[in-house]
Amino acid sequence: MNIKPAVFILILSFSMLTPGFVSGTNDTMNSGTVITAISDTLQAINIIKSDSVPVAQLDKSNLLVLEKNSGFSLVTILRGILGMFGLIVIAFIFSSNRKKINWKTVGIGLLLQLLLAMGVLYVPAIQYFFEIIGKLFVLVLDFTKAGTEFLFSSFMTNDIELALQNFVVQILPTIIFFSALTSLLFYLGIIQKVVKALAWVMTRLMNLSGAESLSVAGNIFLGQTESPLMIKAYLSKMNKSEILLVMMGGMATLAGGVLAVYISFLGGDDPAQRLLFAKHLLTASVMAAPGAIVISKILYPQTESIDKAIEVSKEQIGSNVLDAISNGTTEGLKLAANVAAMLLVFIAFLAMINYITISIGGWLGLNNFISEATDGRYSDLSLQFILGYIFSPVMWLIGVHAQDITLLGRLLGEKIIMTEFIGYVSLSEMKTAGLLTDPKSIIMATYMLCGFANFASIGIQIGGIGSLAPNQRVLLSRFGLKALLGGTLASLMSATIVGMLLG
């Protein structure tokens, strides 16, 4: 979706003029719902009962204590193995050529994910490394705040609840600044060097072509349409297995700009919480790279000869430093406009669907039954309730606490049907309201939601990658749903491993 900057200005102006949006006032809805940002349009819809008693009030320190005291046992290991095996079986069922699956590649990929997770949780040196990178992301948030205060000083607040409702002047500027910073680093060649080093490791360990390794490694830092720029010269000649991995790499990871936004969502203004979630979000994005390779090579095994040469495209994003920053700022503005517009549209559709389902629930007399059966977690036959129970078996499979499976199932459904942005907003609200029984569920959800695996991304990839390689557009369309499935499974695999190691 390509939205002109003028649209963003229009959305920004409208949000400033809407008293309910700016002030966050809402008499009929709990601030713990995903749709507080447009509460004026949803006053008749109550997704989570405002008077419900939280299952467990999660103190801010609980997650830090959980991480420090984490330890796995035989039960958690067996539970994790069951989850990993179940996810691989799902991928195996949808494989295009089960006999040609390279199980060595699968094993190495899973081992890399496991080692990364163990390192972040238990190895001081690796913890320190990810904390350093996490601190840089937190600094980016502080740098952005300086610019935002200059433009929107009257709207700035230290209250995270109001900040979430007022995301146009708090969250979207982060995307713009980070996009400009990424463009500068790309122009200076720093990102390419890091990506090339990671690609070299993956090519040697997992028998990948150089081009697909570059794309997957690039997705750790760049978006799903920016990373393919590094392999622009190879896209038109890629085989089916390589194209699927390029698509899945984009689906399974997050771009740096939105990564910083989610750090702000989940960490609020607490420095320790910000650093904690920065570390885990970064780890989730890195773990997703070998995870995407594992699932992709099960869904569509490599059967053709490959070129292991690693050559980064010389594609430039500016003629000089200032031009690169300017181009990055413009692209960041477009991305921020896309985020704002998609949130507006998806939340509006959510309101419309909930109006219909809740009305049906009232007509059938189900709403009161649902409220009593779920102990007030859901008060109506809403889309969130339906998604929560549809995906709850998957949540049980990956080892989520039994009392949290419907809530995390809801998050997974919101991510797939709408966007991970909606999912992280919901997770932030659940965390603040203390609706989750097990603190580990918050960490697992952080990994599970990490990635662009949603229906909107299919169109984005067909348009973005298809413009770089028009001859692959038909194949991109054919692989859309398979890439969505693979990206989802890769994120679930990361969540399963981390949940197993947290104990």
Protein backbone atom coordinates (compact mmCIF):
# COMPACT_ATOMS: atom_id res chain seq x y z
CA MET A 1 0.00 0.00 0.00
CA ASN A 2 1.54 3.31 -1.10
CA ILE A 3 0.03 6.28 0.74
CA LYS A 4 1.20 9.79 -0.05
CA PRO A 5 2.62 11.92 2.78
CA ALA A 6 -0.40 14.21 2.48
CA VAL A 7 -2.59 11.41 3.82
CA PHE A 8 -0.39 11.14 6.89
CA ILE A 9 -0.70 14.89 7.48
CA LEU A 10 -4.48 14.54 7.18
CA ILE A 11 -4.57 11.66 9.69
CA LEU A 12 -2.24 13.54 12.02
CA SER A 13 -4.36 16.69 11.90
CA PHE A 14 -7.59 14.78 12.42
CA SER A 15 -6.20 12.91 15.44
CA MET A 16 -5.09 16.19 17.02
CA LEU A 17 -8.55 17.65 16.65
CA THR A 18 -10.29 14.64 18.16
CA PRO A 19 -10.67 15.27 21.91
CA GLY A 20 -11.17 11.61 22.78
CA PHE A 21 -8.02 10.63 20.91
CA VAL A 22 -5.79 13.29 22.44
CA SER A 23 -7.08 13.23 25.96
CA GLY A 24 -7.76 9.51 26.08
CA THR A 25 -11.14 10.04 27.76
CA ASN A 26 -13.51 7.11 27.52
CA ASP A 27 -16.43 6.54 29.87
CA THR A 28 -17.66 3.22 28.55
CA MET A 29 -14.62 1.17 27.62
CA ASN A 30 -11.75 -0.29 29.55
CA SER A 31 -8.32 1.02 28.53
CA GLY A 32 -7.25 -2.60 28.43
CA THR A 33 -8.78 -3.22 24.99
CA VAL A 34 -6.97 -3.17 21.70
CA ILE A 35 -9.18 -0.43 20.33
CA THR A 36 -8.82 2.35 22.87
CA ALA A 37 -7.21 4.63 20.27
CA ILE A 38 -10.57 5.08 18.52
CA SER A 39 -12.82 4.71 21.53
CA ASP A 40 -15.27 7.34 20.25
CA THR A 41 -16.30 4.94 17.46
CA LEU A 42 -16.46 1.85 19.67
CA GLN A 43 -18.29 2.95 22.81
CA ALA A 44 -20.89 0.23 22.37
CA ILE A 45 -18.32 -2.56 22.27
CA ASN A 46 -16.81 -3.95 25.47
CA ILE A 47 -14.26 -6.65 24.59
CA ILE A 48 -12.94 -7.24 28.09
CA LYS A 49 -15.16 -6.51 31.07
CA SER A 50 -14.17 -3.30 32.78
CA ASP A 51 -15.05 -4.69 36.17
CA SER A 52 -13.31 -8.03 35.71
CA VAL A 53 -10.70 -9.00 38.30
CA PRO A 54 -7.24 -9.62 36.77
CA VAL A 55 -6.04 -13.18 37.12
CA ALA A 56 -2.64 -12.01 38.31
CA GLN A 57 -1.36 -8.48 38.70
CA LEU A 58 2.03 -8.63 36.97
CA ASP A 59 4.37 -6.30 38.79
CA LYS A 60 6.98 -4.62 36.59
CA SER A 61 9.74 -6.54 38.32
CA ASN A 62 8.12 -9.94 37.75
CA LEU A 63 9.54 -10.33 34.25
CA LEU A 64 13.02 -9.42 35.45
CA VAL A 65 12.72 -11.91 38.30
CA LEU A 66 11.42 -14.54 35.88
CA GLU A 67 14.44 -14.12 33.63
CA LYS A 68 16.95 -14.19 36.50
CA ASN A 69 15.36 -17.27 38.05
CA SER A 70 14.61 -19.05 34.81
CA GLY A 71 15.58 -22.70 34.60
CA PHE A 72 14.36 -25.62 32.57
CA SER A 73 13.49 -29.07 33.82
CA LEU A 74 12.78 -32.43 32.23
CA VAL A 75 9.08 -31.54 32.04
CA THR A 76 9.69 -28.22 30.28
CA ILE A 77 12.19 -29.84 27.90
CA LEU A 78 9.71 -32.55 26.96
CA ARG A 79 6.99 -29.92 26.59
CA GLY A 80 9.21 -27.87 24.31
CA ILE A 81 10.18 -30.90 22.23
CA LEU A 82 6.50 -31.70 21.77
CA GLY A 83 5.83 -28.17 20.57
CA MET A 84 8.80 -28.13 18.17
CA PHE A 85 7.86 -31.54 16.82
CA GLY A 86 4.25 -30.45 16.33
CA LEU A 87 5.27 -27.34 14.36
CA ILE A 88 7.62 -29.36 12.15
CA VAL A 89 4.81 -31.87 11.50
CA ILE A 90 2.54 -29.03 10.37
CA ALA A 91 5.23 -27.80 7.97
CA PHE A 92 5.85 -31.39 6.80
CA ILE A 93 2.14 -31.83 5.98
CA PHE A 94 2.23 -28.79 3.69
CA SER A 95 5.59 -29.70 2.11
CA SER A 96 5.72 -29.76 -1.69
CA ASN A 97 8.30 -32.58 -1.76
CA ARG A 98 8.62 -34.49 1.52
CA LYS A 99 11.19 -36.95 0.18
CA LYS A 100 13.68 -34.19 -0.68
CA ILE A 101 13.71 -32.45 2.69
CA ASN A 102 17.28 -31.92 3.91
CA TRP A 103 16.96 -32.86 7.57
CA LYS A 104 20.55 -31.82 8.23
CA THR A 105 19.63 -28.23 7.34
CA VAL A 106 16.56 -28.49 9.57
CA GLY A 107 18.63 -29.80 12.48
CA ILE A 108 21.31 -27.12 12.15
CA GLY A 109 18.67 -24.38 11.97
CA LEU A 110 16.94 -25.61 15.12
CA LEU A 111 20.30 -25.90 16.89
CA LEU A 112 21.15 -22.29 15.99
CA GLN A 113 17.81 -21.11 17.39
CA LEU A 114 18.36 -23.11 20.55
CA LEU A 115 21.90 -21.79 21.04
CA LEU A 116 20.78 -18.20 20.50
CA ALA A 117 17.99 -18.54 23.06
CA MET A 118 20.27 -20.24 25.61
CA GLY A 119 22.91 -17.59 25.07
CA VAL A 120 20.53 -14.70 25.69
CA LEU A 121 19.08 -16.35 28.79
CA TYR A 122 22.16 -17.96 30.37
CA VAL A 123 25.48 -16.78 28.83
CA PRO A 124 26.67 -13.46 30.32
CA ALA A 125 28.80 -12.47 27.30
CA ILE A 126 25.91 -12.94 24.85
CA GLN A 127 23.50 -11.26 27.26
CA TYR A 128 25.85 -8.30 27.44
CA PHE A 129 26.10 -8.10 23.63
CA PHE A 130 22.34 -8.05 23.13
CA GLU A 131 21.93 -5.57 25.99
CA ILE A 132 24.41 -3.23 24.29
CA ILE A 133 22.43 -3.40 21.04
CA GLY A 134 19.21 -3.03 23.04
CA LYS A 135 20.56 0.12 24.70
CA LEU A 136 21.23 1.58 21.26
CA PHE A 137 17.57 1.02 20.34
CA VAL A 138 16.47 2.64 23.60
CA LEU A 139 18.73 5.60 22.79
CA VAL A 140 17.02 5.90 19.42
CA LEU A 141 13.72 6.27 21.26
CA ASP A 142 15.21 9.04 23.40
CA PHE A 143 16.67 10.80 20.36
CA THR A 144 13.29 10.65 18.64
CA LYS A 145 11.60 12.07 21.72
CA ALA A 146 13.82 15.16 21.48
CA GLY A 147 12.55 15.89 17.97
CA THR A 148 8.98 15.03 18.89
CA GLU A 149 9.00 17.38 21.88
CA PHE A 150 10.02 20.23 19.58
CA LEU A 151 7.07 19.62 17.24
CA PHE A 152 4.42 18.39 19.68
CA SER A 153 5.44 19.74 23.10
CA SER A 154 1.83 20.27 24.21
CA PHE A 155 1.00 16.61 23.50
CA MET A 156 4.00 15.01 25.20
CA THR A 157 3.39 12.95 28.31
CA ASN A 158 5.19 10.47 30.50
CA ASP A 159 2.04 8.40 30.99
CA ILE A 160 2.25 5.28 28.84
CA GLU A 161 -1.53 4.84 28.67
CA LEU A 162 -1.97 8.25 27.11
CA ALA A 163 1.09 7.67 24.94
CA LEU A 164 -0.50 4.53 23.48
CA GLN A 165 -3.69 6.41 22.69
CA ASN A 166 -1.69 9.31 21.33
CA PHE A 167 0.59 7.16 19.20
CA VAL A 168 0.53 9.58 16.25
CA VAL A 169 2.76 12.02 18.14
CA GLN A 170 4.65 9.43 20.20
CA ILE A 171 5.07 6.24 18.18
CA LEU A 172 5.02 7.10 14.49
CA PRO A 173 7.91 9.63 14.71
CA THR A 174 10.12 6.75 15.88
CA ILE A 175 9.48 4.97 12.57
CA ILE A 176 10.44 8.07 10.61
CA PHE A 177 13.69 8.70 12.50
CA PHE A 178 14.75 5.05 12.46
CA SER A 179 14.12 4.86 8.72
CA ALA A 180 16.40 7.86 8.18
CA LEU A 181 19.06 6.31 10.44
CA THR A 182 18.86 2.98 8.58
CA SER A 183 19.27 4.76 5.25
CA LEU A 184 22.36 6.52 6.55
CA LEU A 185 23.89 3.24 7.77
CA PHE A 186 23.01 1.61 4.45
CA TYR A 187 24.63 4.46 2.50
CA LEU A 188 27.79 4.16 4.62
CA GLY A 189 27.89 0.42 3.90
CA ILE A 190 27.72 -0.62 7.57
CA ILE A 191 24.55 -2.69 7.25
CA GLN A 192 25.87 -4.45 4.15
CA LYS A 193 29.03 -5.55 5.94
CA VAL A 194 27.13 -7.01 8.89
CA VAL A 195 24.60 -8.70 6.62
CA LYS A 196 27.34 -10.17 4.43
CA ALA A 197 29.07 -11.67 7.47
CA LEU A 198 25.83 -13.27 8.69
CA ALA A 199 25.03 -14.51 5.19
CA TRP A 200 28.47 -16.15 4.93
CA VAL A 201 27.80 -18.11 8.13
CA MET A 202 24.34 -19.26 6.98
CA THR A 203 25.59 -20.23 3.52
CA ARG A 204 28.32 -22.42 4.97
CA LEU A 205 26.25 -24.00 7.75
CA MET A 206 22.90 -24.50 6.04
CA ASN A 207 23.75 -25.05 2.36
CA LEU A 208 21.97 -21.96 1.07
CA SER A 209 22.62 -19.89 -2.00
CA GLY A 210 24.46 -16.63 -1.40
CA ALA A 211 21.52 -14.53 -2.57
CA GLU A 212 18.90 -16.08 -0.29
CA SER A 213 21.33 -15.94 2.65
CA LEU A 214 21.84 -12.22 2.06
CA SER A 215 18.10 -11.64 1.91
CA VAL A 216 17.36 -13.55 5.13
CA ALA A 217 20.24 -11.89 6.99
CA GLY A 218 19.15 -8.49 5.71
CA ASN A 219 15.65 -9.02 7.04
CA ILE A 220 17.04 -8.96 10.58
CA PHE A 221 17.68 -5.23 10.11
CA LEU A 222 15.57 -4.17 7.13
CA GLY A 223 11.95 -4.50 6.06
CA GLN A 224 10.48 -7.13 3.76
CA THR A 225 10.69 -4.88 0.70
CA GLU A 226 14.02 -3.17 1.55
CA SER A 227 16.08 -6.33 2.14
CA PRO A 228 15.51 -7.73 -1.39
CA LEU A 229 17.23 -4.60 -2.74
CA MET A 230 20.54 -6.20 -1.72
CA ILE A 231 19.87 -9.11 -4.08
CA LYS A 232 18.05 -7.20 -6.80
CA ALA A 233 20.35 -8.59 -9.50
CA TYR A 234 19.56 -12.20 -8.49
CA LEU A 235 15.79 -12.08 -7.92
CA SER A 236 14.75 -12.69 -11.52
CA LYS A 237 16.93 -15.86 -11.72
CA MET A 238 15.98 -17.39 -8.36
CA ASN A 239 14.31 -20.80 -8.25
CA LYS A 240 11.09 -21.55 -6.35
CA SER A 241 12.75 -22.67 -3.13
CA GLU A 242 14.85 -19.50 -3.01
CA ILE A 243 11.90 -17.20 -3.72
CA LEU A 244 9.86 -18.80 -0.94
CA LEU A 245 12.70 -18.25 1.53
CA VAL A 246 13.02 -14.60 0.46
CA MET A 247 9.30 -14.17 1.15
CA MET A 248 9.38 -16.09 4.42
CA GLY A 249 12.42 -14.18 5.65
CA GLY A 250 10.37 -11.00 5.32
CA MET A 251 7.34 -12.58 7.00
CA ALA A 252 9.25 -14.01 9.98
CA THR A 253 11.29 -10.93 10.99
CA LEU A 254 10.69 -7.27 11.86
CA ALA A 255 12.25 -4.10 10.50
CA GLY A 256 14.32 -2.00 12.89
CA GLY A 257 11.90 0.94 12.84
CA VAL A 258 8.89 -0.96 14.12
CA LEU A 259 11.14 -2.93 16.49
CA ALA A 260 11.87 0.34 18.29
CA VAL A 261 8.13 1.08 18.42
CA TYR A 262 7.35 -2.25 20.10
CA ILE A 263 10.09 -1.64 22.65
CA SER A 264 8.25 1.56 23.53
CA PHE A 265 4.90 -0.25 23.64
CA LEU A 266 5.99 -3.02 25.98
CA GLY A 267 8.62 -1.23 28.05
CA GLY A 268 6.86 2.09 28.59
CA ASP A 269 9.02 4.63 30.38
CA ASP A 270 10.68 2.07 32.66
CA PRO A 271 14.38 1.84 31.59
CA ALA A 272 14.75 -1.74 32.88
CA GLN A 273 11.60 -2.88 31.08
CA ARG A 274 12.66 -1.15 27.87
CA LEU A 275 16.04 -2.85 27.95
CA LEU A 276 14.44 -6.22 28.75
CA PHE A 277 12.05 -6.08 25.80
CA ALA A 278 14.67 -4.58 23.50
CA LYS A 279 16.89 -7.59 24.19
CA HIS A 280 14.08 -10.09 23.62
CA LEU A 281 12.72 -8.39 20.50
CA LEU A 282 16.20 -8.29 18.98
CA THR A 283 16.74 -11.94 19.87
CA ALA A 284 13.35 -12.83 18.38
CA SER A 285 14.24 -11.17 15.09
CA VAL A 286 17.66 -12.88 14.96
CA MET A 287 16.21 -16.28 15.91
CA ALA A 288 13.60 -15.89 13.19
CA ALA A 289 16.29 -16.03 10.47
CA PRO A 290 17.34 -19.68 11.01
CA GLY A 291 13.71 -20.45 11.91
CA ALA A 292 12.55 -19.18 8.54
CA ILE A 293 15.20 -21.29 6.82
CA VAL A 294 14.12 -24.43 8.69
CA ILE A 295 10.43 -24.06 7.85
CA SER A 296 11.04 -22.85 4.29
CA LYS A 297 13.26 -25.80 3.38
CA ILE A 298 10.58 -28.16 4.73
CA LEU A 299 7.75 -26.44 2.85
CA TYR A 300 9.74 -26.27 -0.41
CA PRO A 301 13.03 -28.24 -0.35
CA GLN A 302 15.96 -27.14 -2.49
CA THR A 303 16.38 -29.61 -5.36
CA GLU A 304 18.33 -27.49 -7.87
CA SER A 305 21.96 -26.41 -8.02
CA ILE A 306 22.71 -23.18 -6.18
CA ASP A 307 25.23 -20.36 -6.43
CA LYS A 308 26.97 -19.77 -3.08
CA ALA A 309 28.66 -16.54 -4.18
CA ILE A 310 27.85 -13.66 -1.80
CA GLU A 311 27.79 -10.34 -3.60
CA VAL A 312 25.81 -7.44 -2.16
CA SER A 313 24.02 -5.35 -4.76
CA LYS A 314 25.48 -1.89 -5.31
CA GLU A 315 22.01 -0.38 -5.12
CA GLN A 316 22.34 3.12 -3.68
CA ILE A 317 19.73 5.03 -1.71
CA GLY A 318 21.28 8.45 -2.12
CA SER A 319 24.03 10.36 -3.89
CA ASN A 320 25.49 11.65 -0.61
CA VAL A 321 24.90 11.53 3.14
CA LEU A 322 22.26 14.26 3.20
CA ASP A 323 20.44 12.74 0.23
CA ALA A 324 20.41 9.32 1.95
CA ILE A 325 18.98 10.83 5.14
CA SER A 326 16.39 12.73 3.12
CA ASN A 327 15.33 9.62 1.19
CA GLY A 328 15.14 7.61 4.41
CA THR A 329 13.00 10.30 6.02
CA THR A 330 10.59 10.27 3.08
CA GLU A 331 10.33 6.48 3.14
CA GLY A 332 9.83 6.57 6.90
CA LEU A 333 7.02 9.07 6.48
CA LYS A 334 5.33 6.76 3.97
CA LEU A 335 5.74 3.79 6.31
CA ALA A 336 4.34 5.78 9.25
CA ALA A 337 1.40 6.80 7.07
CA ASN A 338 0.85 3.14 6.13
CA VAL A 339 0.89 2.11 9.79
CA ALA A 340 -1.57 4.86 10.76
CA ALA A 341 -3.90 4.11 7.84
CA MET A 342 -3.83 0.34 8.35
CA LEU A 343 -4.54 0.73 12.06
CA LEU A 344 -7.45 3.02 11.29
CA VAL A 345 -8.91 0.63 8.71
CA PHE A 346 -8.30 -2.64 10.56
CA ILE A 347 -9.61 -1.32 13.86
CA ALA A 348 -12.67 0.04 12.07
CA PHE A 349 -13.26 -3.38 10.50
CA LEU A 350 -12.74 -4.93 13.93
CA ALA A 351 -15.46 -2.66 15.30
CA MET A 352 -17.81 -3.58 12.47
CA ILE A 353 -17.23 -7.33 12.86
CA ASN A 354 -17.60 -7.12 16.64
CA TYR A 355 -20.85 -5.21 16.28
CA ILE A 356 -22.22 -8.06 14.15
CA THR A 357 -20.89 -10.92 16.30
CA ILE A 358 -21.93 -9.30 19.59
CA SER A 359 -25.41 -8.66 18.21
CA ILE A 360 -25.64 -12.31 17.17
CA GLY A 361 -24.38 -13.34 20.60
CA GLY A 362 -27.05 -11.23 22.27
CA TRP A 363 -29.77 -12.61 19.99
CA LEU A 364 -28.70 -16.19 20.79
CA GLY A 365 -28.22 -15.44 24.48
CA LEU A 366 -24.51 -16.34 24.38
CA ASN A 367 -22.95 -13.17 25.74
CA ASN A 368 -23.78 -13.78 29.40
CA PHE A 369 -22.72 -17.42 29.07
CA ILE A 370 -19.36 -16.38 27.56
CA SER A 371 -18.78 -13.85 30.33
CA GLU A 372 -19.39 -16.44 33.05
CA ALA A 373 -17.49 -19.24 31.29
CA THR A 374 -14.36 -17.12 30.79
CA ASP A 375 -14.42 -15.48 34.24
CA GLY A 376 -14.91 -12.09 32.67
CA ARG A 377 -11.94 -12.25 30.31
CA TYR A 378 -14.39 -12.02 27.43
CA SER A 379 -17.80 -10.48 27.91
CA ASP A 380 -19.25 -11.02 24.43
CA LEU A 381 -19.13 -13.11 21.29
CA SER A 382 -16.41 -10.83 19.88
CA LEU A 383 -13.87 -11.52 17.16
CA GLN A 384 -11.20 -11.64 19.87
CA PHE A 385 -13.11 -14.40 21.66
CA ILE A 386 -13.49 -16.40 18.43
CA LEU A 387 -9.81 -16.01 17.50
CA GLY A 388 -8.72 -16.88 21.04
CA TYR A 389 -10.46 -20.25 21.00
CA ILE A 390 -9.61 -21.08 17.38
CA PHE A 391 -5.87 -20.72 18.04
CA SER A 392 -5.87 -21.95 21.65
CA PRO A 393 -4.85 -25.52 20.64
CA VAL A 394 -1.74 -24.09 18.96
CA MET A 395 -0.93 -22.14 22.11
CA TRP A 396 -1.28 -25.30 24.19
CA LEU A 397 0.99 -27.12 21.73
CA ILE A 398 3.85 -24.63 22.10
CA GLY A 399 3.68 -24.74 25.91
CA VAL A 400 1.69 -21.67 26.95
CA HIS A 401 0.16 -21.77 30.46
CA ALA A 402 -3.30 -23.36 30.28
CA GLN A 403 -5.07 -20.28 31.65
CA ASP A 404 -3.42 -18.01 29.06
CA ILE A 405 -3.93 -20.04 25.89
CA THR A 406 -7.09 -18.22 24.76
CA LEU A 407 -5.56 -14.78 25.32
CA LEU A 408 -2.39 -15.64 23.40
CA GLY A 409 -4.52 -17.38 20.78
CA ARG A 410 -6.32 -14.09 20.35
CA LEU A 411 -2.98 -12.29 19.89
CA LEU A 412 -1.88 -14.75 17.20
CA GLY A 413 -5.20 -14.34 15.39
CA GLU A 414 -4.96 -10.55 15.51
CA LYS A 415 -1.43 -10.72 14.12
CA ILE A 416 -2.40 -12.94 11.18
CA ILE A 417 -5.72 -11.32 10.26
CA MET A 418 -4.78 -7.72 11.03
CA THR A 419 -1.12 -6.95 11.78
CA GLU A 420 1.47 -7.63 14.45
CA PHE A 421 1.05 -3.95 15.36
CA ILE A 422 -2.46 -4.71 16.61
CA GLY A 423 -1.13 -7.79 18.40
CA TYR A 424 1.57 -5.85 20.26
CA VAL A 425 -0.93 -3.15 21.26
CA SER A 426 -3.16 -5.88 22.70
CA LEU A 427 -0.21 -7.52 24.46
CA SER A 428 0.76 -4.18 25.98
CA GLU A 429 -2.80 -3.67 27.24
CA MET A 430 -2.95 -7.21 28.67
CA LYS A 431 0.40 -6.69 30.38
CA THR A 432 -0.71 -3.39 31.90
CA ALA A 433 -4.05 -4.83 33.05
CA GLY A 434 -2.43 -7.95 34.52
CA LEU A 435 -4.68 -10.31 32.55
CA LEU A 436 -2.05 -12.98 31.97
CA THR A 437 -1.56 -15.63 34.63
CA ASP A 438 2.05 -16.56 33.86
CA PRO A 439 4.71 -13.84 33.31
CA LYS A 440 6.37 -16.27 30.88
CA SER A 441 3.36 -15.85 28.60
CA ILE A 442 4.36 -12.22 27.99
CA ILE A 443 7.85 -13.22 26.88
CA MET A 444 6.53 -16.03 24.68
CA ALA A 445 3.99 -13.65 23.10
CA THR A 446 6.80 -11.18 22.39
CA TYR A 447 8.55 -13.83 20.29
CA MET A 448 5.35 -15.17 18.75
CA LEU A 449 4.25 -11.75 17.46
CA CYS A 450 7.70 -10.91 16.06
CA GLY A 451 7.29 -10.90 12.29
CA PHE A 452 5.25 -9.47 9.43
CA ALA A 453 3.31 -12.71 8.85
CA ASN A 454 -0.15 -11.32 8.05
CA PHE A 455 -2.43 -11.16 5.05
CA ALA A 456 -1.52 -7.54 4.25
CA SER A 457 2.13 -8.56 3.85
CA ILE A 458 1.24 -10.85 0.96
CA GLY A 459 0.12 -7.85 -1.08
CA ILE A 460 3.10 -5.79 0.09
CA GLN A 461 5.56 -8.48 -1.05
CA ILE A 462 3.85 -9.05 -4.39
CA GLY A 463 4.03 -5.31 -5.05
CA GLY A 464 7.48 -4.66 -3.57
CA ILE A 465 9.46 -7.72 -4.65
CA GLY A 466 7.42 -7.99 -7.85
CA SER A 467 8.53 -4.50 -8.89
CA LEU A 468 12.18 -5.63 -8.59
CA ALA A 469 11.59 -8.87 -10.50
CA PRO A 470 8.42 -8.64 -12.65
CA ASN A 471 8.94 -12.17 -14.03
CA GLN A 472 8.48 -13.58 -10.49
CA ARG A 473 5.16 -11.84 -9.77
CA VAL A 474 3.02 -14.90 -10.57
CA LEU A 475 5.18 -17.10 -8.33
CA LEU A 476 4.99 -14.53 -5.55
CA SER A 477 1.19 -14.67 -5.77
CA ARG A 478 1.18 -18.48 -5.67
CA PHE A 479 3.48 -18.58 -2.65
CA GLY A 480 1.66 -15.88 -0.65
CA LEU A 481 -0.29 -18.16 1.69
CA LYS A 482 2.58 -20.64 2.01
CA ALA A 483 4.93 -17.81 3.03
CA LEU A 484 2.33 -16.61 5.56
CA LEU A 485 2.09 -20.10 7.06
CA GLY A 486 5.88 -20.48 7.13
CA GLY A 487 6.48 -17.07 8.73
CA THR A 488 3.92 -17.85 11.42
CA LEU A 489 5.46 -21.26 12.17
CA ALA A 490 8.95 -19.74 12.38
CA SER A 491 7.82 -17.21 15.01
CA LEU A 492 5.97 -19.93 16.92
CA MET A 493 9.14 -22.04 16.89
CA SER A 494 11.10 -19.22 18.55
CA ALA A 495 8.38 -18.77 21.18
CA THR A 496 8.38 -22.53 21.87
CA ILE A 497 12.15 -22.66 22.39
CA VAL A 498 12.22 -19.62 24.66
CA GLY A 499 9.26 -20.92 26.67
CA MET A 500 11.03 -24.25 27.10
CA LEU A 501 14.20 -22.61 28.38
CA LEU A 502 12.39 -20.21 30.72
CA GLY A 503 10.91 -23.23 32.51
